[in-house]
Amino acid sequence: MRKSIVLGLILILMLPLLGIGQSFYAVRRDRKMTVNVGTGVTKYYGELVGDNELGKIKPNINIGLEYFLAPRISIRTDATWFQLSGSDADADQSRRNRNLSFVSNNVELSIGGAVQLFPDNKNHLKRPAFNVYGVMSVGLLYFNPKTEYEGKKVALQPLQTEGEKYSKFQFVIPMGIGARFKINPWTNLAVEGVYRETFTDYLDDISSRNYPDPNTLSSDLSVALSDRRRELTPDYPTETIRQVRGNPDNEDAYFILTAKLQFFIPSSIGSNSGMYKAKRTTSKHKGMYKTKKRRR
């Protein structure tokens, strides 16, 4: 998995150098589309991180396309792989006894738009050396929370640890701001922070305020991972002490900070090739020959 991701990034980074040659670096050619590739960090917001806690910071990888419709307006599509993670073991004593945790590998696909503060002056070559922009999109998220139990990673969604069914596919709304820095005529460095509003409270497999009745759960493994308080304290009086499991009032969310390279791509790669010029020259010479023939 990791090797495939690294190989994909290498291919994208080498795109301007593979099979494009002089056409890609033709300075005068106007370009309205960029190929973007980047990486950064992700922060999770949910039941397994407190209001005043930073939580676990996890990695992300992003690739995308952006097309500039107007001097200030562009449309964009992005694919992002990222991790989320949270654990009661990192919390204060009020939550530590709950002993819940999760980690997930996630994929998000989104489409939306961006509005720049400064116009691009009708040409990518004349674009400002620095620009600020706002982003808003709609996306589809795939997530799959897992936890470690007896030395193995166990997927939580099929177990219904709260007796509730939920889908691993959810809609999200990415919204945030970014800044672009012009590196050369063909490349930008962009840094953007985008918050994701979700429509689920189960990114971490925790939502219900109360622990479910064990008799209503589907398996012994589901019972074991629904209430893990006795793993830390075997004689913990779970029947007599009603501890809060989750908070259904607030849906989960996440924030992604990404640094990315943006490569401007010609609208028709190869049209400035030597073959194209040769055809024009040949046609011109043919016309001259015909003209001279008529004069005779």
C-alpha atoms as a PDB file:
ATOM      1  CA  MET A   1       0.000   0.000   0.000  1.00  0.00           C
ATOM      2  CA  ARG A   2       2.692   2.483   1.015  1.00  0.00           C
ATOM      3  CA  LYS A   3       4.895   1.519  -1.964  1.00  0.00           C
ATOM      4  CA  SER A   4       1.993   2.143  -4.360  1.00  0.00           C
ATOM      5  CA  ILE A   5       1.364   5.586  -2.862  1.00  0.00           C
ATOM      6  CA  VAL A   6       5.051   6.554  -3.103  1.00  0.00           C
ATOM      7  CA  LEU A   7       5.250   5.313  -6.711  1.00  0.00           C
ATOM      8  CA  GLY A   8       2.146   7.293  -7.641  1.00  0.00           C
ATOM      9  CA  LEU A   9       3.597  10.476  -6.160  1.00  0.00           C
ATOM     10  CA  ILE A  10       6.875   9.992  -8.051  1.00  0.00           C
ATOM     11  CA  LEU A  11       5.024   9.578 -11.350  1.00  0.00           C
ATOM     12  CA  ILE A  12       2.972  12.708 -10.735  1.00  0.00           C
ATOM     13  CA  LEU A  13       6.049  14.731  -9.800  1.00  0.00           C
ATOM     14  CA  MET A  14       7.800  13.556 -12.978  1.00  0.00           C
ATOM     15  CA  LEU A  15       4.821  14.329 -15.202  1.00  0.00           C
ATOM     16  CA  PRO A  16       6.302  17.581 -16.546  1.00  0.00           C
ATOM     17  CA  LEU A  17       9.397  15.653 -17.611  1.00  0.00           C
ATOM     18  CA  LEU A  18       7.848  12.592 -19.266  1.00  0.00           C
ATOM     19  CA  GLY A  19       6.902  12.842 -22.939  1.00  0.00           C
ATOM     20  CA  ILE A  20       6.161  16.568 -22.817  1.00  0.00           C
ATOM     21  CA  GLY A  21       9.546  18.137 -23.549  1.00  0.00           C
ATOM     22  CA  GLN A  22       9.628  21.573 -25.102  1.00  0.00           C
ATOM     23  CA  SER A  23       5.840  21.760 -25.361  1.00  0.00           C
ATOM     24  CA  PHE A  24       5.430  21.722 -21.574  1.00  0.00           C
ATOM     25  CA  TYR A  25       8.021  24.417 -21.031  1.00  0.00           C
ATOM     26  CA  ALA A  26       6.792  26.694 -23.828  1.00  0.00           C
ATOM     27  CA  VAL A  27       6.723  29.902 -21.787  1.00  0.00           C
ATOM     28  CA  ARG A  28       4.280  31.846 -23.952  1.00  0.00           C
ATOM     29  CA  ARG A  29       1.577  29.210 -23.914  1.00  0.00           C
ATOM     30  CA  ASP A  30      -1.308  30.149 -21.625  1.00  0.00           C
ATOM     31  CA  ARG A  31      -2.298  27.510 -19.089  1.00  0.00           C
ATOM     32  CA  LYS A  32      -5.543  27.330 -17.133  1.00  0.00           C
ATOM     33  CA  MET A  33      -5.202  23.929 -15.461  1.00  0.00           C
ATOM     34  CA  THR A  34      -2.924  22.635 -12.719  1.00  0.00           C
ATOM     35  CA  VAL A  35      -2.085  19.145 -11.518  1.00  0.00           C
ATOM     36  CA  ASN A  36      -1.626  19.205  -7.738  1.00  0.00           C
ATOM     37  CA  VAL A  37       0.166  16.828  -5.394  1.00  0.00           C
ATOM     38  CA  GLY A  38       0.881  17.296  -1.707  1.00  0.00           C
ATOM     39  CA  THR A  39       1.030  15.953   1.816  1.00  0.00           C
ATOM     40  CA  GLY A  40       0.411  17.181   5.329  1.00  0.00           C
ATOM     41  CA  VAL A  41      -1.222  16.404   8.667  1.00  0.00           C
ATOM     42  CA  THR A  42      -4.756  15.643   9.863  1.00  0.00           C
ATOM     43  CA  LYS A  43      -6.512  16.364  13.158  1.00  0.00           C
ATOM     44  CA  TYR A  44      -9.649  14.550  14.340  1.00  0.00           C
ATOM     45  CA  TYR A  45     -12.542  16.035  16.358  1.00  0.00           C
ATOM     46  CA  GLY A  46     -14.775  13.601  18.224  1.00  0.00           C
ATOM     47  CA  GLU A  47     -15.467  11.699  21.443  1.00  0.00           C
ATOM     48  CA  LEU A  48     -11.868  10.486  21.790  1.00  0.00           C
ATOM     49  CA  VAL A  49     -10.276  13.908  22.040  1.00  0.00           C
ATOM     50  CA  GLY A  50     -11.166  16.622  24.529  1.00  0.00           C
ATOM     51  CA  ASP A  51     -11.886  20.281  23.781  1.00  0.00           C
ATOM     52  CA  ASN A  52      -8.499  21.350  25.132  1.00  0.00           C
ATOM     53  CA  GLU A  53      -6.527  18.390  23.743  1.00  0.00           C
ATOM     54  CA  LEU A  54      -4.501  18.360  20.552  1.00  0.00           C
ATOM     55  CA  GLY A  55      -5.052  14.645  19.989  1.00  0.00           C
ATOM     56  CA  LYS A  56      -3.030  12.466  17.648  1.00  0.00           C
ATOM     57  CA  ILE A  57      -1.793  14.151  14.473  1.00  0.00           C
ATOM     58  CA  LYS A  58      -1.843  11.770  11.500  1.00  0.00           C
ATOM     59  CA  PRO A  59      -0.570  11.999   7.868  1.00  0.00           C
ATOM     60  CA  ASN A  60      -2.390  12.657   4.599  1.00  0.00           C
ATOM     61  CA  ILE A  61      -1.610  12.525   0.850  1.00  0.00           C
ATOM     62  CA  ASN A  62      -3.477  14.622  -1.720  1.00  0.00           C
ATOM     63  CA  ILE A  63      -3.696  14.702  -5.531  1.00  0.00           C
ATOM     64  CA  GLY A  64      -6.015  16.865  -7.602  1.00  0.00           C
ATOM     65  CA  LEU A  65      -6.821  19.042 -10.601  1.00  0.00           C
ATOM     66  CA  GLU A  66      -7.760  22.718 -10.704  1.00  0.00           C
ATOM     67  CA  TYR A  67      -9.121  24.669 -13.678  1.00  0.00           C
ATOM     68  CA  PHE A  68      -9.203  28.482 -13.702  1.00  0.00           C
ATOM     69  CA  LEU A  69     -12.497  29.706 -15.137  1.00  0.00           C
ATOM     70  CA  ALA A  70     -11.822  33.400 -14.524  1.00  0.00           C
ATOM     71  CA  PRO A  71      -9.043  35.590 -13.083  1.00  0.00           C
ATOM     72  CA  ARG A  72     -10.303  34.964  -9.546  1.00  0.00           C
ATOM     73  CA  ILE A  73     -12.425  31.794  -9.825  1.00  0.00           C
ATOM     74  CA  SER A  74     -11.461  28.143 -10.288  1.00  0.00           C
ATOM     75  CA  ILE A  75     -13.075  24.733 -10.019  1.00  0.00           C
ATOM     76  CA  ARG A  76     -11.200  21.822  -8.460  1.00  0.00           C
ATOM     77  CA  THR A  77     -11.384  18.138  -7.721  1.00  0.00           C
ATOM     78  CA  ASP A  78      -9.336  16.352  -5.068  1.00  0.00           C
ATOM     79  CA  ALA A  79      -8.583  12.834  -3.883  1.00  0.00           C
ATOM     80  CA  THR A  80      -7.179  12.586  -0.366  1.00  0.00           C
ATOM     81  CA  TRP A  81      -5.958   9.614   1.643  1.00  0.00           C
ATOM     82  CA  PHE A  82      -5.568  10.274   5.358  1.00  0.00           C
ATOM     83  CA  GLN A  83      -5.556   8.668   8.794  1.00  0.00           C
ATOM     84  CA  LEU A  84      -7.578   9.473  11.903  1.00  0.00           C
ATOM     85  CA  SER A  85      -6.872   8.243  15.400  1.00  0.00           C
ATOM     86  CA  GLY A  86      -7.961   8.758  18.997  1.00  0.00           C
ATOM     87  CA  SER A  87      -7.528   7.058  22.350  1.00  0.00           C
ATOM     88  CA  ASP A  88      -8.740   7.396  25.930  1.00  0.00           C
ATOM     89  CA  ALA A  89      -5.265   6.338  27.051  1.00  0.00           C
ATOM     90  CA  ASP A  90      -4.048   9.844  26.154  1.00  0.00           C
ATOM     91  CA  ALA A  91      -6.828  11.602  28.099  1.00  0.00           C
ATOM     92  CA  ASP A  92      -7.204  12.717  31.697  1.00  0.00           C
ATOM     93  CA  GLN A  93      -8.594  10.435  34.396  1.00  0.00           C
ATOM     94  CA  SER A  94     -12.214  11.387  33.695  1.00  0.00           C
ATOM     95  CA  ARG A  95     -12.044   9.556  30.353  1.00  0.00           C
ATOM     96  CA  ARG A  96      -9.209   7.108  30.805  1.00  0.00           C
ATOM     97  CA  ASN A  97     -11.366   4.467  32.518  1.00  0.00           C
ATOM     98  CA  ARG A  98     -13.596   4.250  29.440  1.00  0.00           C
ATOM     99  CA  ASN A  99     -10.604   2.703  27.632  1.00  0.00           C
ATOM    100  CA  LEU A 100     -11.867   3.128  24.064  1.00  0.00           C
ATOM    101  CA  SER A 101      -9.669   3.792  21.008  1.00  0.00           C
ATOM    102  CA  PHE A 102      -9.721   3.746  17.213  1.00  0.00           C
ATOM    103  CA  VAL A 103      -7.590   4.258  14.125  1.00  0.00           C
ATOM    104  CA  SER A 104      -8.790   4.437  10.515  1.00  0.00           C
ATOM    105  CA  ASN A 105      -7.489   4.781   6.978  1.00  0.00           C
ATOM    106  CA  ASN A 106      -9.796   7.028   4.984  1.00  0.00           C
ATOM    107  CA  VAL A 107     -10.326   8.206   1.405  1.00  0.00           C
ATOM    108  CA  GLU A 108     -12.113  11.410   0.448  1.00  0.00           C
ATOM    109  CA  LEU A 109     -13.169  12.480  -3.061  1.00  0.00           C
ATOM    110  CA  SER A 110     -14.394  16.047  -3.472  1.00  0.00           C
ATOM    111  CA  ILE A 111     -15.359  18.632  -6.069  1.00  0.00           C
ATOM    112  CA  GLY A 112     -15.813  22.335  -5.507  1.00  0.00           C
ATOM    113  CA  GLY A 113     -14.476  25.791  -6.158  1.00  0.00           C
ATOM    114  CA  ALA A 114     -11.985  28.399  -5.005  1.00  0.00           C
ATOM    115  CA  VAL A 115     -12.053  32.202  -5.056  1.00  0.00           C
ATOM    116  CA  GLN A 116      -8.769  34.150  -5.085  1.00  0.00           C
ATOM    117  CA  LEU A 117      -8.169  37.505  -3.439  1.00  0.00           C
ATOM    118  CA  PHE A 118      -6.076  38.826  -6.350  1.00  0.00           C
ATOM    119  CA  PRO A 119      -6.807  38.235 -10.076  1.00  0.00           C
ATOM    120  CA  ASP A 120      -4.401  36.280 -12.297  1.00  0.00           C
ATOM    121  CA  ASN A 121      -4.148  39.142 -14.827  1.00  0.00           C
ATOM    122  CA  LYS A 122      -5.527  37.020 -17.710  1.00  0.00           C
ATOM    123  CA  ASN A 123      -2.405  34.862 -17.963  1.00  0.00           C
ATOM    124  CA  HIS A 124      -0.623  32.396 -15.697  1.00  0.00           C
ATOM    125  CA  LEU A 125       2.702  34.120 -16.396  1.00  0.00           C
ATOM    126  CA  LYS A 126       1.387  37.402 -14.997  1.00  0.00           C
ATOM    127  CA  ARG A 127      -0.161  35.867 -11.908  1.00  0.00           C
ATOM    128  CA  PRO A 128       0.793  37.453  -8.558  1.00  0.00           C
ATOM    129  CA  ALA A 129       3.791  36.075  -6.708  1.00  0.00           C
ATOM    130  CA  PHE A 130       1.485  35.558  -3.694  1.00  0.00           C
ATOM    131  CA  ASN A 131      -2.240  34.968  -3.478  1.00  0.00           C
ATOM    132  CA  VAL A 132      -4.835  34.010  -0.872  1.00  0.00           C
ATOM    133  CA  TYR A 133      -7.959  31.987  -1.643  1.00  0.00           C
ATOM    134  CA  GLY A 134     -11.020  30.444  -0.051  1.00  0.00           C
ATOM    135  CA  VAL A 135     -12.194  26.874  -0.721  1.00  0.00           C
ATOM    136  CA  MET A 136     -15.613  25.225  -0.496  1.00  0.00           C
ATOM    137  CA  SER A 137     -16.474  21.755  -1.809  1.00  0.00           C
ATOM    138  CA  VAL A 138     -18.725  18.761  -1.395  1.00  0.00           C
ATOM    139  CA  GLY A 139     -17.164  15.351  -0.902  1.00  0.00           C
ATOM    140  CA  LEU A 140     -17.717  11.661  -0.362  1.00  0.00           C
ATOM    141  CA  LEU A 141     -15.825  10.011   2.500  1.00  0.00           C
ATOM    142  CA  TYR A 142     -14.975   6.359   3.029  1.00  0.00           C
ATOM    143  CA  PHE A 143     -13.925   5.484   6.589  1.00  0.00           C
ATOM    144  CA  ASN A 144     -13.385   2.223   8.456  1.00  0.00           C
ATOM    145  CA  PRO A 145     -12.648   2.566  12.206  1.00  0.00           C
ATOM    146  CA  LYS A 146     -10.606  -0.204  13.794  1.00  0.00           C
ATOM    147  CA  THR A 147      -9.259  -0.914  17.259  1.00  0.00           C
ATOM    148  CA  GLU A 148      -6.592  -3.169  18.705  1.00  0.00           C
ATOM    149  CA  TYR A 149      -7.844  -6.150  20.687  1.00  0.00           C
ATOM    150  CA  GLU A 150      -5.689  -9.026  21.911  1.00  0.00           C
ATOM    151  CA  GLY A 151      -2.867  -7.952  19.654  1.00  0.00           C
ATOM    152  CA  LYS A 152      -4.962  -7.716  16.455  1.00  0.00           C
ATOM    153  CA  LYS A 153      -6.685  -4.904  14.548  1.00  0.00           C
ATOM    154  CA  VAL A 154     -10.459  -5.410  14.524  1.00  0.00           C
ATOM    155  CA  ALA A 155     -12.920  -3.522  12.273  1.00  0.00           C
ATOM    156  CA  LEU A 156     -15.623  -1.983  14.464  1.00  0.00           C
ATOM    157  CA  GLN A 157     -18.387  -1.081  11.999  1.00  0.00           C
ATOM    158  CA  PRO A 158     -19.572  -4.690  11.347  1.00  0.00           C
ATOM    159  CA  LEU A 159     -19.763  -5.374  15.105  1.00  0.00           C
ATOM    160  CA  GLN A 160     -22.353  -2.644  15.849  1.00  0.00           C
ATOM    161  CA  THR A 161     -20.841  -2.030  19.284  1.00  0.00           C
ATOM    162  CA  GLU A 162     -23.688   0.354  20.157  1.00  0.00           C
ATOM    163  CA  GLY A 163     -26.384  -1.721  18.505  1.00  0.00           C
ATOM    164  CA  GLU A 164     -26.622   0.810  15.665  1.00  0.00           C
ATOM    165  CA  LYS A 165     -26.042   0.361  11.941  1.00  0.00           C
ATOM    166  CA  TYR A 166     -24.117   3.053  10.080  1.00  0.00           C
ATOM    167  CA  SER A 167     -22.574   3.320   6.618  1.00  0.00           C
ATOM    168  CA  LYS A 168     -18.838   3.592   5.947  1.00  0.00           C
ATOM    169  CA  PHE A 169     -19.670   6.120   3.189  1.00  0.00           C
ATOM    170  CA  GLN A 170     -20.688   9.630   4.233  1.00  0.00           C
ATOM    171  CA  PHE A 171     -20.977  13.068   2.647  1.00  0.00           C
ATOM    172  CA  VAL A 172     -18.673  15.821   3.893  1.00  0.00           C
ATOM    173  CA  ILE A 173     -18.361  19.559   3.281  1.00  0.00           C
ATOM    174  CA  PRO A 174     -14.733  20.769   3.045  1.00  0.00           C
ATOM    175  CA  MET A 175     -14.267  24.505   3.643  1.00  0.00           C
ATOM    176  CA  GLY A 176     -11.156  26.516   4.392  1.00  0.00           C
ATOM    177  CA  ILE A 177      -8.479  28.923   3.189  1.00  0.00           C
ATOM    178  CA  GLY A 178      -5.138  28.664   1.425  1.00  0.00           C
ATOM    179  CA  ALA A 179      -2.163  30.648   0.139  1.00  0.00           C
ATOM    180  CA  ARG A 180      -0.241  30.255  -3.123  1.00  0.00           C
ATOM    181  CA  PHE A 181       3.399  31.159  -3.750  1.00  0.00           C
ATOM    182  CA  LYS A 182       4.745  31.411  -7.306  1.00  0.00           C
ATOM    183  CA  ILE A 183       7.943  29.335  -7.649  1.00  0.00           C
ATOM    184  CA  ASN A 184       8.473  29.668 -11.414  1.00  0.00           C
ATOM    185  CA  PRO A 185       6.287  30.214 -14.534  1.00  0.00           C
ATOM    186  CA  TRP A 186       4.912  26.660 -14.332  1.00  0.00           C
ATOM    187  CA  THR A 187       4.779  25.893 -10.589  1.00  0.00           C
ATOM    188  CA  ASN A 188       3.110  27.126  -7.395  1.00  0.00           C
ATOM    189  CA  LEU A 189       3.588  26.086  -3.798  1.00  0.00           C
ATOM    190  CA  ALA A 190       0.213  26.103  -2.021  1.00  0.00           C
ATOM    191  CA  VAL A 191      -0.503  25.708   1.682  1.00  0.00           C
ATOM    192  CA  GLU A 192      -4.120  25.232   2.719  1.00  0.00           C
ATOM    193  CA  GLY A 193      -6.077  24.363   5.830  1.00  0.00           C
ATOM    194  CA  VAL A 194      -9.514  22.847   5.222  1.00  0.00           C
ATOM    195  CA  TYR A 195     -12.030  21.834   7.872  1.00  0.00           C
ATOM    196  CA  ARG A 196     -14.423  18.972   7.076  1.00  0.00           C
ATOM    197  CA  GLU A 197     -17.985  19.130   8.361  1.00  0.00           C
ATOM    198  CA  THR A 198     -19.445  15.618   8.398  1.00  0.00           C
ATOM    199  CA  PHE A 199     -22.931  14.139   8.711  1.00  0.00           C
ATOM    200  CA  THR A 200     -21.985  11.265  11.006  1.00  0.00           C
ATOM    201  CA  ASP A 201     -20.978  10.800  14.625  1.00  0.00           C
ATOM    202  CA  TYR A 202     -19.366   7.419  13.975  1.00  0.00           C
ATOM    203  CA  LEU A 203     -15.920   8.245  12.585  1.00  0.00           C
ATOM    204  CA  ASP A 204     -14.649   6.799  15.871  1.00  0.00           C
ATOM    205  CA  ASP A 205     -17.472   4.217  16.329  1.00  0.00           C
ATOM    206  CA  ILE A 206     -18.749   6.171  19.356  1.00  0.00           C
ATOM    207  CA  SER A 207     -21.956   8.181  19.600  1.00  0.00           C
ATOM    208  CA  SER A 208     -24.587   6.896  22.073  1.00  0.00           C
ATOM    209  CA  ARG A 209     -24.609   8.530  25.479  1.00  0.00           C
ATOM    210  CA  ASN A 210     -25.259   5.265  27.353  1.00  0.00           C
ATOM    211  CA  TYR A 211     -23.701   1.832  27.050  1.00  0.00           C
ATOM    212  CA  PRO A 212     -26.006  -0.611  25.212  1.00  0.00           C
ATOM    213  CA  ASP A 213     -27.547  -3.654  26.880  1.00  0.00           C
ATOM    214  CA  PRO A 214     -25.028  -6.493  26.235  1.00  0.00           C
ATOM    215  CA  ASN A 215     -27.909  -8.882  25.555  1.00  0.00           C
ATOM    216  CA  THR A 216     -28.882  -6.863  22.470  1.00  0.00           C
ATOM    217  CA  LEU A 217     -25.450  -7.061  20.806  1.00  0.00           C
ATOM    218  CA  SER A 218     -24.671  -9.512  18.019  1.00  0.00           C
ATOM    219  CA  SER A 219     -21.618 -11.375  19.356  1.00  0.00           C
ATOM    220  CA  ASP A 220     -19.225 -11.836  22.261  1.00  0.00           C
ATOM    221  CA  LEU A 221     -16.641  -9.761  20.405  1.00  0.00           C
ATOM    222  CA  SER A 222     -19.145  -6.959  20.024  1.00  0.00           C
ATOM    223  CA  VAL A 223     -19.851  -7.076  23.777  1.00  0.00           C
ATOM    224  CA  ALA A 224     -16.128  -7.073  24.593  1.00  0.00           C
ATOM    225  CA  LEU A 225     -15.387  -4.024  22.417  1.00  0.00           C
ATOM    226  CA  SER A 226     -18.525  -2.138  23.391  1.00  0.00           C
ATOM    227  CA  ASP A 227     -17.516  -1.869  27.056  1.00  0.00           C
ATOM    228  CA  ARG A 228     -13.771  -2.079  27.719  1.00  0.00           C
ATOM    229  CA  ARG A 229     -13.692  -0.626  31.235  1.00  0.00           C
ATOM    230  CA  ARG A 230     -12.926  -3.952  32.924  1.00  0.00           C
ATOM    231  CA  GLU A 231      -9.799  -4.472  30.820  1.00  0.00           C
ATOM    232  CA  LEU A 232      -8.108  -1.876  33.026  1.00  0.00           C
ATOM    233  CA  THR A 233      -9.960  -2.678  36.243  1.00  0.00           C
ATOM    234  CA  PRO A 234     -11.330  -6.278  36.330  1.00  0.00           C
ATOM    235  CA  ASP A 235     -13.669  -5.544  39.273  1.00  0.00           C
ATOM    236  CA  TYR A 236     -14.983  -2.269  37.820  1.00  0.00           C
ATOM    237  CA  PRO A 237     -18.694  -2.055  38.845  1.00  0.00           C
ATOM    238  CA  THR A 238     -20.136  -1.422  35.389  1.00  0.00           C
ATOM    239  CA  GLU A 239     -23.640  -2.449  36.487  1.00  0.00           C
ATOM    240  CA  THR A 240     -23.928   0.125  39.257  1.00  0.00           C
ATOM    241  CA  ILE A 241     -21.938   3.068  37.809  1.00  0.00           C
ATOM    242  CA  ARG A 242     -23.445   4.641  34.695  1.00  0.00           C
ATOM    243  CA  GLN A 243     -20.570   6.242  32.831  1.00  0.00           C
ATOM    244  CA  VAL A 244     -21.086   8.236  29.645  1.00  0.00           C
ATOM    245  CA  ARG A 245     -19.925   6.394  26.500  1.00  0.00           C
ATOM    246  CA  GLY A 246     -20.431   9.109  23.864  1.00  0.00           C
ATOM    247  CA  ASN A 247     -22.037  12.410  22.937  1.00  0.00           C
ATOM    248  CA  PRO A 248     -24.724  12.187  20.203  1.00  0.00           C
ATOM    249  CA  ASP A 249     -25.240  15.966  20.251  1.00  0.00           C
ATOM    250  CA  ASN A 250     -22.075  16.735  18.248  1.00  0.00           C
ATOM    251  CA  GLU A 251     -21.102  15.057  14.983  1.00  0.00           C
ATOM    252  CA  ASP A 252     -17.475  14.163  14.307  1.00  0.00           C
ATOM    253  CA  ALA A 253     -15.201  16.273  12.092  1.00  0.00           C
ATOM    254  CA  TYR A 254     -11.608  16.561  10.932  1.00  0.00           C
ATOM    255  CA  PHE A 255      -9.136  19.204   9.759  1.00  0.00           C
ATOM    256  CA  ILE A 256      -6.505  18.713   7.043  1.00  0.00           C
ATOM    257  CA  LEU A 257      -3.429  20.921   6.639  1.00  0.00           C
ATOM    258  CA  THR A 258      -1.681  20.304   3.302  1.00  0.00           C
ATOM    259  CA  ALA A 259       1.357  21.667   1.454  1.00  0.00           C
ATOM    260  CA  LYS A 260       1.142  20.946  -2.269  1.00  0.00           C
ATOM    261  CA  LEU A 261       2.923  21.643  -5.545  1.00  0.00           C
ATOM    262  CA  GLN A 262       0.761  22.886  -8.416  1.00  0.00           C
ATOM    263  CA  PHE A 263       2.009  22.292 -11.984  1.00  0.00           C
ATOM    264  CA  PHE A 264       0.442  24.336 -14.802  1.00  0.00           C
ATOM    265  CA  ILE A 265      -0.374  22.066 -17.756  1.00  0.00           C
ATOM    266  CA  PRO A 266      -0.740  23.289 -21.382  1.00  0.00           C
ATOM    267  CA  SER A 267      -4.267  23.032 -22.761  1.00  0.00           C
ATOM    268  CA  SER A 268      -3.018  20.906 -25.704  1.00  0.00           C
ATOM    269  CA  ILE A 269       0.345  19.313 -25.056  1.00  0.00           C
ATOM    270  CA  GLY A 270       2.316  18.680 -28.224  1.00  0.00           C
ATOM    271  CA  SER A 271       0.691  21.225 -30.544  1.00  0.00           C
ATOM    272  CA  ASN A 272       3.911  23.223 -30.608  1.00  0.00           C
ATOM    273  CA  SER A 273       5.968  20.241 -31.634  1.00  0.00           C
ATOM    274  CA  GLY A 274       8.446  20.211 -34.506  1.00  0.00           C
ATOM    275  CA  MET A 275       6.037  18.124 -36.601  1.00  0.00           C
ATOM    276  CA  TYR A 276       3.370  20.809 -36.319  1.00  0.00           C
ATOM    277  CA  LYS A 277       5.825  23.520 -37.367  1.00  0.00           C
ATOM    278  CA  ALA A 278       7.030  21.392 -40.241  1.00  0.00           C
ATOM    279  CA  LYS A 279       3.492  21.019 -41.593  1.00  0.00           C
ATOM    280  CA  ARG A 280       2.987  24.758 -41.495  1.00  0.00           C
ATOM    281  CA  THR A 281       6.300  25.369 -43.284  1.00  0.00           C
ATOM    282  CA  THR A 282       5.530  22.757 -45.954  1.00  0.00           C
ATOM    283  CA  SER A 283       2.109  24.250 -46.592  1.00  0.00           C
ATOM    284  CA  LYS A 284       3.637  27.696 -46.925  1.00  0.00           C
ATOM    285  CA  HIS A 285       6.237  26.472 -49.411  1.00  0.00           C
ATOM    286  CA  LYS A 286       3.565  24.702 -51.466  1.00  0.00           C
ATOM    287  CA  GLY A 287       1.627  27.930 -51.736  1.00  0.00           C
ATOM    288  CA  MET A 288       4.700  29.811 -52.924  1.00  0.00           C
ATOM    289  CA  TYR A 289       5.424  27.131 -55.533  1.00  0.00           C
ATOM    290  CA  LYS A 290       1.892  27.301 -56.906  1.00  0.00           C
ATOM    291  CA  THR A 291       2.056  31.091 -57.159  1.00  0.00           C
ATOM    292  CA  LYS A 292       5.294  31.027 -59.130  1.00  0.00           C
ATOM    293  CA  LYS A 293       3.886  28.405 -61.483  1.00  0.00           C
ATOM    294  CA  ARG A 294       0.911  30.603 -62.332  1.00  0.00           C
ATOM    295  CA  ARG A 295       3.185  33.572 -63.247  1.00  0.00           C
ATOM    296  CA  ARG A 296       4.924  31.483 -65.899  1.00  0.00           C
END
